[in-house]
Amino acid sequence: MQDRPEPIRHELLTWEDVDHLIDILTGQLREAGEFDAIVLITRGGIIPGGLICEAMNIRWVLTAAVRFPGGIDTKPLAAWPEFLQFPADQLLAGRHALVVDDVWGSGRTITAVRGRVEAAGGTPATCVLHFNPYRSLFNQAKPDFYGAVTDAHIIYPWEIGRGLDGIMTGPTGVN
């Protein structure tokens, strides 16, 4: 009989929690200098990226949609990313671009986008609300900017009501 893995801890964030993380990130980003562009990774990076755009007055806003094909039997690092949508190279060339997603879990998506920005001639920096080093598939890589380190499955306020049945069981909504 195989041992069951420990259940994943869930953490439900409020909009105030998100505001606090954005404040942390904008402080780090301001110290790093200016960014010419921002690349929002769909879907997770759209809301935090929009908040960062407003706070940092970044007006060159681009999006990237990435999918990793494969099923349970596919080795995580063996699957090549499929870029469903990505900015044209000339939109990134010569730009200092901030690549934004909500969370760095495995790290596959954001590192794939970072690589495409570099290949287009841009200088990317990666940014997430949460960094989960315990799930990362990359030993040495981590985001350039992150608001918090976690080992939990984060539930952002904009995700509530999207099939999270079974998570919201405790009196505070968190197991």
N, C-alpha and C. Protein backbone atom coordinates (compact mmCIF):
# COMPACT_ATOMS: atom_id res chain seq x y z
N MET A 1 0.84 -1.18 0.00
CA MET A 1 0.00 0.00 0.00
C MET A 1 0.88 1.24 0.00
N GLN A 2 0.53 2.20 -0.84
CA GLN A 2 1.31 3.43 -0.98
C GLN A 2 0.85 4.46 0.05
N ASP A 3 1.81 5.16 0.67
CA ASP A 3 1.46 6.22 1.62
C ASP A 3 0.80 7.36 0.89
N ARG A 4 -0.22 7.93 1.51
CA ARG A 4 -0.88 9.10 0.93
C ARG A 4 -0.06 10.34 1.26
N PRO A 5 0.10 11.24 0.30
CA PRO A 5 0.84 12.47 0.59
C PRO A 5 0.05 13.34 1.55
N GLU A 6 0.78 14.18 2.25
CA GLU A 6 0.13 15.13 3.15
C GLU A 6 -0.78 16.04 2.34
N PRO A 7 -1.94 16.40 2.90
CA PRO A 7 -2.81 17.32 2.15
C PRO A 7 -2.15 18.68 2.01
N ILE A 8 -2.45 19.33 0.91
CA ILE A 8 -1.90 20.65 0.66
C ILE A 8 -2.64 21.66 1.52
N ARG A 9 -1.89 22.52 2.17
CA ARG A 9 -2.48 23.60 2.97
C ARG A 9 -2.98 24.67 2.00
N HIS A 10 -4.18 25.18 2.25
CA HIS A 10 -4.76 26.23 1.43
C HIS A 10 -4.77 27.54 2.20
N GLU A 11 -4.51 28.62 1.49
CA GLU A 11 -4.54 29.93 2.11
C GLU A 11 -5.41 30.85 1.26
N LEU A 12 -6.47 31.36 1.85
CA LEU A 12 -7.40 32.25 1.17
C LEU A 12 -7.00 33.70 1.46
N LEU A 13 -6.71 34.45 0.40
CA LEU A 13 -6.29 35.84 0.56
C LEU A 13 -7.47 36.79 0.40
N THR A 14 -7.37 37.92 1.06
CA THR A 14 -8.34 38.99 0.89
C THR A 14 -7.75 40.02 -0.07
N TRP A 15 -8.57 40.97 -0.50
CA TRP A 15 -8.05 42.06 -1.34
C TRP A 15 -7.04 42.88 -0.56
N GLU A 16 -7.21 43.00 0.75
CA GLU A 16 -6.23 43.73 1.56
C GLU A 16 -4.89 43.02 1.55
N ASP A 17 -4.91 41.67 1.60
CA ASP A 17 -3.67 40.90 1.51
C ASP A 17 -2.96 41.17 0.18
N VAL A 18 -3.74 41.21 -0.89
CA VAL A 18 -3.18 41.46 -2.22
C VAL A 18 -2.60 42.87 -2.28
N ASP A 19 -3.31 43.85 -1.75
CA ASP A 19 -2.79 45.23 -1.71
C ASP A 19 -1.46 45.29 -0.98
N HIS A 20 -1.35 44.57 0.13
CA HIS A 20 -0.10 44.54 0.89
C HIS A 20 1.04 43.95 0.04
N LEU A 21 0.77 42.86 -0.66
CA LEU A 21 1.79 42.24 -1.52
C LEU A 21 2.21 43.17 -2.66
N ILE A 22 1.23 43.87 -3.24
CA ILE A 22 1.53 44.83 -4.31
C ILE A 22 2.42 45.96 -3.76
N ASP A 23 2.13 46.43 -2.54
CA ASP A 23 2.98 47.46 -1.92
C ASP A 23 4.42 46.97 -1.74
N ILE A 24 4.57 45.72 -1.30
CA ILE A 24 5.90 45.14 -1.14
C ILE A 24 6.62 45.10 -2.49
N LEU A 25 5.91 44.62 -3.50
CA LEU A 25 6.51 44.49 -4.83
C LEU A 25 6.87 45.84 -5.44
N THR A 26 5.98 46.81 -5.32
CA THR A 26 6.27 48.11 -5.94
C THR A 26 7.48 48.77 -5.27
N GLY A 27 7.66 48.54 -3.99
CA GLY A 27 8.87 49.04 -3.32
C GLY A 27 10.12 48.41 -3.92
N GLN A 28 10.10 47.10 -4.11
CA GLN A 28 11.24 46.40 -4.71
C GLN A 28 11.47 46.87 -6.15
N LEU A 29 10.39 47.02 -6.90
CA LEU A 29 10.49 47.40 -8.31
C LEU A 29 11.01 48.82 -8.48
N ARG A 30 10.58 49.72 -7.63
CA ARG A 30 11.07 51.10 -7.72
C ARG A 30 12.57 51.18 -7.45
N GLU A 31 13.04 50.36 -6.50
CA GLU A 31 14.48 50.32 -6.21
C GLU A 31 15.27 49.75 -7.39
N ALA A 32 14.65 48.89 -8.19
CA ALA A 32 15.33 48.24 -9.31
C ALA A 32 15.45 49.14 -10.53
N GLY A 33 14.68 50.20 -10.59
CA GLY A 33 14.73 51.09 -11.74
C GLY A 33 13.46 51.02 -12.57
N GLU A 34 13.53 51.57 -13.78
CA GLU A 34 12.34 51.65 -14.64
C GLU A 34 12.20 50.42 -15.52
N PHE A 35 10.95 50.12 -15.85
CA PHE A 35 10.63 49.05 -16.79
C PHE A 35 9.91 49.69 -17.96
N ASP A 36 10.32 49.32 -19.17
CA ASP A 36 9.73 49.87 -20.40
C ASP A 36 8.43 49.16 -20.77
N ALA A 37 8.28 47.92 -20.31
CA ALA A 37 7.12 47.12 -20.70
C ALA A 37 6.81 46.13 -19.59
N ILE A 38 5.59 45.61 -19.65
CA ILE A 38 5.18 44.56 -18.74
C ILE A 38 4.51 43.47 -19.57
N VAL A 39 4.85 42.23 -19.29
CA VAL A 39 4.26 41.08 -19.98
C VAL A 39 3.45 40.32 -18.93
N LEU A 40 2.13 40.33 -19.09
CA LEU A 40 1.24 39.66 -18.16
C LEU A 40 0.99 38.24 -18.66
N ILE A 41 1.26 37.27 -17.82
CA ILE A 41 1.01 35.87 -18.18
C ILE A 41 -0.45 35.56 -17.87
N THR A 42 -1.17 35.10 -18.90
CA THR A 42 -2.57 34.77 -18.69
C THR A 42 -2.67 33.41 -18.01
N ARG A 43 -3.57 33.25 -17.19
CA ARG A 43 -4.56 34.13 -16.63
C ARG A 43 -4.08 34.72 -15.33
N GLY A 44 -3.20 34.04 -14.64
CA GLY A 44 -2.82 34.44 -13.29
C GLY A 44 -2.18 35.80 -13.15
N GLY A 45 -1.46 36.25 -14.17
CA GLY A 45 -0.75 37.51 -14.07
C GLY A 45 -1.54 38.74 -14.45
N ILE A 46 -2.76 38.55 -14.94
CA ILE A 46 -3.53 39.70 -15.43
C ILE A 46 -3.87 40.68 -14.30
N ILE A 47 -4.43 40.20 -13.22
CA ILE A 47 -4.84 41.12 -12.14
C ILE A 47 -3.64 41.70 -11.41
N PRO A 48 -2.69 40.88 -10.93
CA PRO A 48 -1.54 41.51 -10.27
C PRO A 48 -0.76 42.41 -11.21
N GLY A 49 -0.63 42.00 -12.47
CA GLY A 49 0.09 42.83 -13.44
C GLY A 49 -0.60 44.15 -13.68
N GLY A 50 -1.93 44.14 -13.75
CA GLY A 50 -2.68 45.38 -13.91
C GLY A 50 -2.48 46.32 -12.73
N LEU A 51 -2.48 45.76 -11.53
CA LEU A 51 -2.25 46.58 -10.33
C LEU A 51 -0.84 47.17 -10.34
N ILE A 52 0.14 46.37 -10.76
CA ILE A 52 1.52 46.86 -10.83
C ILE A 52 1.65 47.93 -11.90
N CYS A 53 0.99 47.73 -13.06
CA CYS A 53 1.01 48.75 -14.13
C CYS A 53 0.56 50.10 -13.60
N GLU A 54 -0.54 50.09 -12.89
CA GLU A 54 -1.08 51.34 -12.35
C GLU A 54 -0.13 51.95 -11.33
N ALA A 55 0.38 51.14 -10.42
CA ALA A 55 1.26 51.66 -9.37
C ALA A 55 2.58 52.18 -9.93
N MET A 56 3.08 51.55 -10.99
CA MET A 56 4.39 51.89 -11.54
C MET A 56 4.30 52.76 -12.80
N ASN A 57 3.08 53.06 -13.22
CA ASN A 57 2.83 53.86 -14.43
C ASN A 57 3.51 53.26 -15.67
N ILE A 58 3.38 51.95 -15.81
CA ILE A 58 3.90 51.25 -16.99
C ILE A 58 2.78 51.19 -18.01
N ARG A 59 3.02 51.75 -19.17
CA ARG A 59 1.97 51.86 -20.19
C ARG A 59 2.11 50.87 -21.34
N TRP A 60 3.27 50.25 -21.49
CA TRP A 60 3.50 49.28 -22.56
C TRP A 60 3.13 47.91 -22.00
N VAL A 61 1.86 47.51 -22.18
CA VAL A 61 1.31 46.31 -21.56
C VAL A 61 1.08 45.24 -22.63
N LEU A 62 1.69 44.08 -22.42
CA LEU A 62 1.60 42.96 -23.36
C LEU A 62 1.15 41.71 -22.61
N THR A 63 0.65 40.72 -23.34
CA THR A 63 0.22 39.48 -22.70
C THR A 63 0.86 38.28 -23.38
N ALA A 64 1.00 37.22 -22.59
CA ALA A 64 1.53 35.96 -23.09
C ALA A 64 0.65 34.83 -22.55
N ALA A 65 0.25 33.94 -23.43
CA ALA A 65 -0.52 32.76 -23.04
C ALA A 65 0.30 31.53 -23.36
N VAL A 66 0.53 30.68 -22.36
CA VAL A 66 1.40 29.52 -22.49
C VAL A 66 0.65 28.29 -21.99
N ARG A 67 0.86 27.18 -22.69
CA ARG A 67 0.27 25.91 -22.28
C ARG A 67 1.34 24.84 -22.38
N PHE A 68 1.37 23.96 -21.40
CA PHE A 68 2.27 22.82 -21.43
C PHE A 68 1.45 21.57 -21.71
N PRO A 69 1.60 21.00 -22.90
CA PRO A 69 0.83 19.80 -23.22
C PRO A 69 1.36 18.60 -22.44
N GLY A 70 0.53 17.58 -22.39
CA GLY A 70 0.96 16.35 -21.73
C GLY A 70 0.05 16.01 -20.58
N GLY A 71 0.14 14.78 -20.18
CA GLY A 71 -0.69 14.29 -19.09
C GLY A 71 0.14 13.90 -17.90
N ILE A 72 -0.39 13.00 -17.13
CA ILE A 72 0.25 12.55 -15.89
C ILE A 72 1.60 11.90 -16.16
N ASP A 73 1.71 11.19 -17.28
CA ASP A 73 2.94 10.46 -17.58
C ASP A 73 4.04 11.33 -18.17
N THR A 74 3.75 12.57 -18.49
CA THR A 74 4.75 13.47 -19.07
C THR A 74 5.66 14.00 -17.97
N LYS A 75 6.97 13.91 -18.20
CA LYS A 75 7.92 14.47 -17.24
C LYS A 75 7.83 15.98 -17.31
N PRO A 76 7.75 16.66 -16.17
CA PRO A 76 7.51 18.12 -16.16
C PRO A 76 8.49 18.94 -16.99
N LEU A 77 9.76 18.59 -16.99
CA LEU A 77 10.72 19.38 -17.74
C LEU A 77 10.87 18.91 -19.18
N ALA A 78 10.23 17.79 -19.53
CA ALA A 78 10.34 17.25 -20.89
C ALA A 78 9.32 17.87 -21.84
N ALA A 79 8.26 18.46 -21.32
CA ALA A 79 7.22 19.04 -22.17
C ALA A 79 7.64 20.41 -22.67
N TRP A 80 7.55 20.63 -23.97
CA TRP A 80 7.86 21.93 -24.56
C TRP A 80 6.64 22.84 -24.43
N PRO A 81 6.87 24.10 -24.09
CA PRO A 81 5.72 25.01 -23.97
C PRO A 81 5.12 25.31 -25.33
N GLU A 82 3.82 25.47 -25.33
CA GLU A 82 3.10 25.93 -26.52
C GLU A 82 2.67 27.37 -26.23
N PHE A 83 3.18 28.31 -27.03
CA PHE A 83 2.82 29.71 -26.85
C PHE A 83 1.56 29.97 -27.66
N LEU A 84 0.45 30.05 -26.97
CA LEU A 84 -0.84 30.27 -27.63
C LEU A 84 -0.95 31.70 -28.14
N GLN A 85 -0.32 32.61 -27.44
CA GLN A 85 -0.29 34.02 -27.83
C GLN A 85 0.95 34.62 -27.21
N PHE A 86 1.69 35.40 -28.01
CA PHE A 86 2.90 36.03 -27.50
C PHE A 86 3.17 37.29 -28.30
N PRO A 87 3.70 38.34 -27.66
CA PRO A 87 3.99 39.58 -28.38
C PRO A 87 5.04 39.36 -29.48
N ALA A 88 4.91 40.12 -30.55
CA ALA A 88 5.90 40.08 -31.63
C ALA A 88 7.25 40.55 -31.09
N ASP A 89 8.31 39.99 -31.66
CA ASP A 89 9.67 40.31 -31.21
C ASP A 89 9.95 41.81 -31.20
N GLN A 90 9.48 42.53 -32.20
CA GLN A 90 9.78 43.97 -32.28
C GLN A 90 9.12 44.75 -31.14
N LEU A 91 8.11 44.19 -30.50
CA LEU A 91 7.49 44.86 -29.36
C LEU A 91 8.32 44.71 -28.08
N LEU A 92 9.23 43.74 -28.08
CA LEU A 92 10.05 43.47 -26.89
C LEU A 92 11.51 43.86 -27.05
N ALA A 93 11.98 43.91 -28.28
CA ALA A 93 13.40 44.18 -28.53
C ALA A 93 13.83 45.50 -27.90
N GLY A 94 14.91 45.42 -27.13
CA GLY A 94 15.48 46.61 -26.50
C GLY A 94 14.73 47.10 -25.28
N ARG A 95 13.71 46.42 -24.86
CA ARG A 95 12.90 46.86 -23.70
C ARG A 95 13.29 46.10 -22.44
N HIS A 96 13.27 46.81 -21.31
CA HIS A 96 13.41 46.19 -19.99
C HIS A 96 12.00 45.79 -19.58
N ALA A 97 11.70 44.50 -19.69
CA ALA A 97 10.32 44.01 -19.52
C ALA A 97 10.14 43.26 -18.21
N LEU A 98 9.09 43.61 -17.50
CA LEU A 98 8.71 42.92 -16.27
C LEU A 98 7.70 41.84 -16.63
N VAL A 99 8.04 40.58 -16.36
CA VAL A 99 7.17 39.44 -16.64
C VAL A 99 6.44 39.09 -15.35
N VAL A 100 5.09 39.16 -15.37
CA VAL A 100 4.31 39.02 -14.14
C VAL A 100 3.36 37.83 -14.20
N ASP A 101 3.35 37.06 -13.12
CA ASP A 101 2.38 35.98 -12.91
C ASP A 101 1.96 36.04 -11.45
N ASP A 102 0.94 35.29 -11.08
CA ASP A 102 0.48 35.32 -9.70
C ASP A 102 1.41 34.54 -8.77
N VAL A 103 1.81 33.34 -9.20
CA VAL A 103 2.60 32.48 -8.32
C VAL A 103 3.66 31.74 -9.13
N TRP A 104 4.82 31.56 -8.53
CA TRP A 104 5.86 30.69 -9.07
C TRP A 104 5.70 29.38 -8.33
N GLY A 105 5.05 28.41 -8.97
CA GLY A 105 4.92 27.06 -8.42
C GLY A 105 6.05 26.22 -8.96
N SER A 106 5.80 25.56 -10.08
CA SER A 106 6.86 24.78 -10.72
C SER A 106 7.90 25.69 -11.34
N GLY A 107 7.48 26.88 -11.79
CA GLY A 107 8.38 27.82 -12.43
C GLY A 107 8.46 27.66 -13.94
N ARG A 108 7.80 26.64 -14.49
CA ARG A 108 7.90 26.36 -15.93
C ARG A 108 7.38 27.50 -16.79
N THR A 109 6.20 28.01 -16.47
CA THR A 109 5.57 29.02 -17.33
C THR A 109 6.37 30.31 -17.36
N ILE A 110 6.70 30.84 -16.20
CA ILE A 110 7.37 32.14 -16.17
C ILE A 110 8.79 32.06 -16.72
N THR A 111 9.48 30.92 -16.54
CA THR A 111 10.81 30.81 -17.12
C THR A 111 10.73 30.65 -18.64
N ALA A 112 9.69 30.01 -19.14
CA ALA A 112 9.50 29.91 -20.59
C ALA A 112 9.25 31.29 -21.19
N VAL A 113 8.42 32.09 -20.53
CA VAL A 113 8.14 33.45 -21.02
C VAL A 113 9.41 34.31 -20.93
N ARG A 114 10.13 34.20 -19.83
CA ARG A 114 11.39 34.94 -19.70
C ARG A 114 12.34 34.61 -20.85
N GLY A 115 12.44 33.32 -21.18
CA GLY A 115 13.30 32.90 -22.29
C GLY A 115 12.87 33.47 -23.63
N ARG A 116 11.56 33.53 -23.86
CA ARG A 116 11.07 34.11 -25.12
C ARG A 116 11.34 35.61 -25.19
N VAL A 117 11.21 36.31 -24.07
CA VAL A 117 11.51 37.75 -24.05
C VAL A 117 12.99 37.96 -24.36
N GLU A 118 13.85 37.17 -23.75
CA GLU A 118 15.29 37.26 -24.03
C GLU A 118 15.58 36.99 -25.51
N ALA A 119 14.95 35.96 -26.07
CA ALA A 119 15.17 35.60 -27.47
C ALA A 119 14.71 36.72 -28.41
N ALA A 120 13.73 37.51 -27.97
CA ALA A 120 13.21 38.63 -28.77
C ALA A 120 14.10 39.87 -28.65
N GLY A 121 15.11 39.83 -27.78
CA GLY A 121 16.00 40.97 -27.62
C GLY A 121 15.65 41.86 -26.45
N GLY A 122 14.71 41.41 -25.61
CA GLY A 122 14.36 42.17 -24.42
C GLY A 122 15.18 41.75 -23.22
N THR A 123 15.12 42.55 -22.18
CA THR A 123 15.78 42.23 -20.91
C THR A 123 14.69 42.00 -19.88
N PRO A 124 14.38 40.72 -19.59
CA PRO A 124 13.27 40.42 -18.69
C PRO A 124 13.68 40.38 -17.21
N ALA A 125 12.71 40.68 -16.37
CA ALA A 125 12.80 40.46 -14.93
C ALA A 125 11.48 39.80 -14.55
N THR A 126 11.53 38.79 -13.69
CA THR A 126 10.31 38.05 -13.32
C THR A 126 9.77 38.54 -11.98
N CYS A 127 8.44 38.52 -11.88
CA CYS A 127 7.76 39.08 -10.70
C CYS A 127 6.50 38.27 -10.41
N VAL A 128 6.33 37.83 -9.17
CA VAL A 128 5.14 37.09 -8.75
C VAL A 128 4.70 37.56 -7.37
N LEU A 129 3.43 37.36 -7.08
CA LEU A 129 2.96 37.64 -5.73
C LEU A 129 3.54 36.64 -4.74
N HIS A 130 3.54 35.35 -5.13
CA HIS A 130 4.01 34.28 -4.23
C HIS A 130 5.04 33.39 -4.91
N PHE A 131 6.08 33.07 -4.17
CA PHE A 131 7.12 32.14 -4.61
C PHE A 131 7.03 30.90 -3.74
N ASN A 132 6.86 29.73 -4.39
CA ASN A 132 6.80 28.46 -3.67
C ASN A 132 8.05 27.65 -4.02
N PRO A 133 9.13 27.82 -3.27
CA PRO A 133 10.38 27.12 -3.60
C PRO A 133 10.26 25.61 -3.42
N TYR A 134 9.26 25.15 -2.68
CA TYR A 134 9.09 23.74 -2.41
C TYR A 134 8.52 22.97 -3.60
N ARG A 135 7.88 23.69 -4.53
CA ARG A 135 7.32 23.08 -5.73
C ARG A 135 8.16 23.35 -6.97
N SER A 136 9.11 24.27 -6.89
CA SER A 136 9.88 24.68 -8.05
C SER A 136 10.66 23.51 -8.65
N LEU A 137 10.63 23.43 -9.96
CA LEU A 137 11.39 22.41 -10.68
C LEU A 137 12.82 22.83 -10.96
N PHE A 138 13.16 24.06 -10.58
CA PHE A 138 14.48 24.62 -10.85
C PHE A 138 15.22 24.84 -9.54
N ASN A 139 16.36 24.19 -9.40
CA ASN A 139 17.11 24.28 -8.14
C ASN A 139 17.64 25.68 -7.85
N GLN A 140 18.19 26.33 -8.84
CA GLN A 140 18.84 27.61 -8.62
C GLN A 140 17.99 28.81 -9.00
N ALA A 141 16.99 28.61 -9.84
CA ALA A 141 16.19 29.74 -10.33
C ALA A 141 15.11 30.13 -9.34
N LYS A 142 14.83 31.41 -9.31
CA LYS A 142 13.73 31.94 -8.52
C LYS A 142 13.32 33.26 -9.15
N PRO A 143 12.15 33.78 -8.79
CA PRO A 143 11.74 35.07 -9.37
C PRO A 143 12.67 36.19 -8.91
N ASP A 144 12.80 37.18 -9.79
CA ASP A 144 13.61 38.35 -9.43
C ASP A 144 12.94 39.16 -8.33
N PHE A 145 11.59 39.20 -8.37
CA PHE A 145 10.81 39.94 -7.38
C PHE A 145 9.63 39.08 -6.94
N TYR A 146 9.39 39.02 -5.63
CA TYR A 146 8.23 38.31 -5.12
C TYR A 146 7.78 38.94 -3.81
N GLY A 147 6.46 38.86 -3.59
CA GLY A 147 5.88 39.48 -2.41
C GLY A 147 6.00 38.64 -1.16
N ALA A 148 5.94 37.30 -1.32
CA ALA A 148 5.99 36.40 -0.17
C ALA A 148 6.43 35.01 -0.61
N VAL A 149 6.98 34.26 0.34
CA VAL A 149 7.33 32.85 0.13
C VAL A 149 6.24 32.03 0.80
N THR A 150 5.84 30.94 0.15
CA THR A 150 4.77 30.12 0.70
C THR A 150 5.00 28.65 0.38
N ASP A 151 4.35 27.79 1.16
CA ASP A 151 4.28 26.37 0.84
C ASP A 151 2.82 25.96 0.61
N ALA A 152 1.94 26.93 0.60
CA ALA A 152 0.49 26.67 0.51
C ALA A 152 -0.01 26.83 -0.92
N HIS A 153 -1.18 26.26 -1.14
CA HIS A 153 -1.93 26.55 -2.36
C HIS A 153 -2.68 27.85 -2.08
N ILE A 154 -2.34 28.90 -2.81
CA ILE A 154 -2.93 30.22 -2.58
C ILE A 154 -4.21 30.36 -3.38
N ILE A 155 -5.23 30.88 -2.73
CA ILE A 155 -6.51 31.18 -3.38
C ILE A 155 -6.67 32.70 -3.34
N TYR A 156 -6.59 33.32 -4.51
CA TYR A 156 -6.70 34.77 -4.60
C TYR A 156 -8.16 35.18 -4.59
N PRO A 157 -8.46 36.41 -4.17
CA PRO A 157 -9.86 36.84 -4.05
C PRO A 157 -10.62 36.77 -5.38
N TRP A 158 -9.94 36.94 -6.49
CA TRP A 158 -10.61 36.87 -7.79
C TRP A 158 -10.89 35.42 -8.23
N GLU A 159 -10.39 34.44 -7.49
CA GLU A 159 -10.62 33.03 -7.83
C GLU A 159 -11.79 32.41 -7.07
N ILE A 160 -12.29 33.09 -6.09
CA ILE A 160 -13.38 32.54 -5.28
C ILE A 160 -14.60 32.31 -6.15
N GLY A 161 -15.20 31.13 -6.00
CA GLY A 161 -16.40 30.79 -6.76
C GLY A 161 -16.10 30.13 -8.09
N ARG A 162 -14.81 29.82 -8.37
CA ARG A 162 -14.46 29.14 -9.61
C ARG A 162 -14.12 27.69 -9.34
N GLY A 163 -15.06 26.93 -8.81
CA GLY A 163 -14.83 25.52 -8.62
C GLY A 163 -13.94 25.18 -7.45
N LEU A 164 -14.02 25.92 -6.38
CA LEU A 164 -13.19 25.66 -5.22
C LEU A 164 -13.96 24.88 -4.15
N ASP A 165 -14.99 24.15 -4.55
CA ASP A 165 -15.77 23.35 -3.60
C ASP A 165 -14.83 22.40 -2.85
N GLY A 166 -15.09 22.24 -1.59
CA GLY A 166 -14.27 21.37 -0.77
C GLY A 166 -13.13 22.10 -0.09
N ILE A 167 -12.79 23.27 -0.55
CA ILE A 167 -11.73 24.05 0.07
C ILE A 167 -12.30 24.90 1.19
N MET A 168 -13.47 25.45 0.95
CA MET A 168 -14.08 26.38 1.88
C MET A 168 -14.89 25.65 2.94
N THR A 169 -14.22 24.90 3.82
CA THR A 169 -14.95 24.10 4.78
C THR A 169 -14.88 24.61 6.21
N GLY A 170 -13.82 25.28 6.56
CA GLY A 170 -13.68 25.76 7.92
C GLY A 170 -14.43 27.04 8.16
N PRO A 171 -14.55 27.49 9.42
CA PRO A 171 -15.29 28.71 9.73
C PRO A 171 -14.68 29.95 9.09
N THR A 172 -13.38 29.92 8.83
CA THR A 172 -12.74 31.06 8.19
C THR A 172 -12.62 30.86 6.69
N GLY A 173 -13.10 29.72 6.20
CA GLY A 173 -13.01 29.46 4.78
C GLY A 173 -11.73 28.77 4.37
N VAL A 174 -10.90 28.40 5.36
CA VAL A 174 -9.62 27.78 5.05
C VAL A 174 -9.50 26.49 5.86
N ASN A 175 -9.01 25.45 5.22
CA ASN A 175 -8.77 24.18 5.94
C ASN A 175 -7.56 24.29 6.83
